[in-house]
Amino acid sequence: MLFKFLFKKKKKKLQEQSVQKFDMNNWMNLTKEERLEIDFKDKNKIMRKKKALLKSIRDEYIKIKNSN
């Protein structure tokens, strides 16, 4: 059972590496404008998630502060 776990874990890592390598090849084939556009969209998506998280933390803090 231990061997099955180890081998499955190794297979998973190999698949992740091949996907990352494939993505890098695709990335390098894009034009500069396409890469900048994709980066811009990714940054905006990440910022929206961060802002939502901060807003929820602030709301929880206000609830805790008001309840005491």
Protein backbone atom coordinates (compact mmCIF):
# COMPACT_ATOMS: atom_id res chain seq x y z
CA MET A 1 0.00 0.00 0.00
CA LEU A 2 2.86 2.37 0.80
CA PHE A 3 4.42 1.73 -2.60
CA LYS A 4 1.15 2.48 -4.37
CA PHE A 5 0.97 5.81 -2.55
CA LEU A 6 4.54 6.73 -3.48
CA PHE A 7 4.15 5.78 -7.12
CA LYS A 8 0.85 7.64 -7.49
CA LYS A 9 2.44 10.71 -5.99
CA LYS A 10 5.36 10.57 -8.43
CA LYS A 11 3.05 10.15 -11.41
CA LYS A 12 1.07 13.18 -10.35
CA LYS A 13 4.21 15.32 -10.10
CA LEU A 14 5.36 14.23 -13.55
CA GLN A 15 2.01 15.18 -15.05
CA GLU A 16 2.14 18.62 -13.39
CA GLN A 17 5.63 19.24 -14.73
CA SER A 18 4.64 18.32 -18.28
CA VAL A 19 1.61 20.62 -18.12
CA GLN A 20 3.77 23.49 -16.86
CA LYS A 21 6.32 22.89 -19.62
CA PHE A 22 3.56 22.83 -22.23
CA ASP A 23 2.16 26.10 -20.89
CA MET A 24 5.60 27.71 -21.06
CA ASN A 25 5.96 26.68 -24.71
CA ASN A 26 2.56 28.14 -25.53
CA TRP A 27 3.43 31.30 -23.62
CA MET A 28 6.62 31.83 -25.60
CA ASN A 29 4.76 31.39 -28.89
CA LEU A 30 2.43 34.31 -28.09
CA THR A 31 3.17 37.82 -29.23
CA LYS A 32 4.23 40.47 -26.73
CA GLU A 33 0.83 42.17 -26.88
CA GLU A 34 -0.99 38.88 -26.21
CA ARG A 35 1.24 38.14 -23.22
CA LEU A 36 0.68 41.62 -21.79
CA GLU A 37 -3.07 41.25 -22.23
CA ILE A 38 -3.11 37.87 -20.46
CA ASP A 39 -0.96 39.26 -17.63
CA PHE A 40 -3.27 42.25 -17.25
CA LYS A 41 -6.34 40.01 -17.01
CA ASP A 42 -4.64 37.72 -14.48
CA LYS A 43 -3.54 40.65 -12.32
CA ASN A 44 -7.06 42.09 -12.34
CA LYS A 45 -8.57 38.74 -11.37
CA ILE A 46 -6.10 38.33 -8.49
CA MET A 47 -6.71 41.91 -7.28
CA ARG A 48 -10.49 41.35 -7.25
CA LYS A 49 -10.01 38.22 -5.14
CA LYS A 50 -7.71 40.06 -2.73
CA LYS A 51 -10.12 42.98 -2.39
CA ALA A 52 -13.02 40.60 -1.72
CA LEU A 53 -11.00 38.81 0.92
CA LEU A 54 -10.00 42.06 2.62
CA LYS A 55 -13.60 43.26 2.57
CA SER A 56 -14.81 40.06 4.22
CA ILE A 57 -12.07 40.30 6.86
CA ARG A 58 -13.02 43.91 7.60
CA ASP A 59 -16.71 42.99 7.85
CA GLU A 60 -15.94 40.17 10.29
CA TYR A 61 -13.74 42.47 12.35
CA ILE A 62 -16.51 45.07 12.54
CA LYS A 63 -19.00 42.39 13.63
CA ILE A 64 -16.64 41.20 16.37
CA LYS A 65 -15.89 44.76 17.48
CA ASN A 66 -19.61 45.67 17.66
CA SER A 67 -20.57 42.51 19.54
CA ASN A 68 -18.13 43.27 22.40
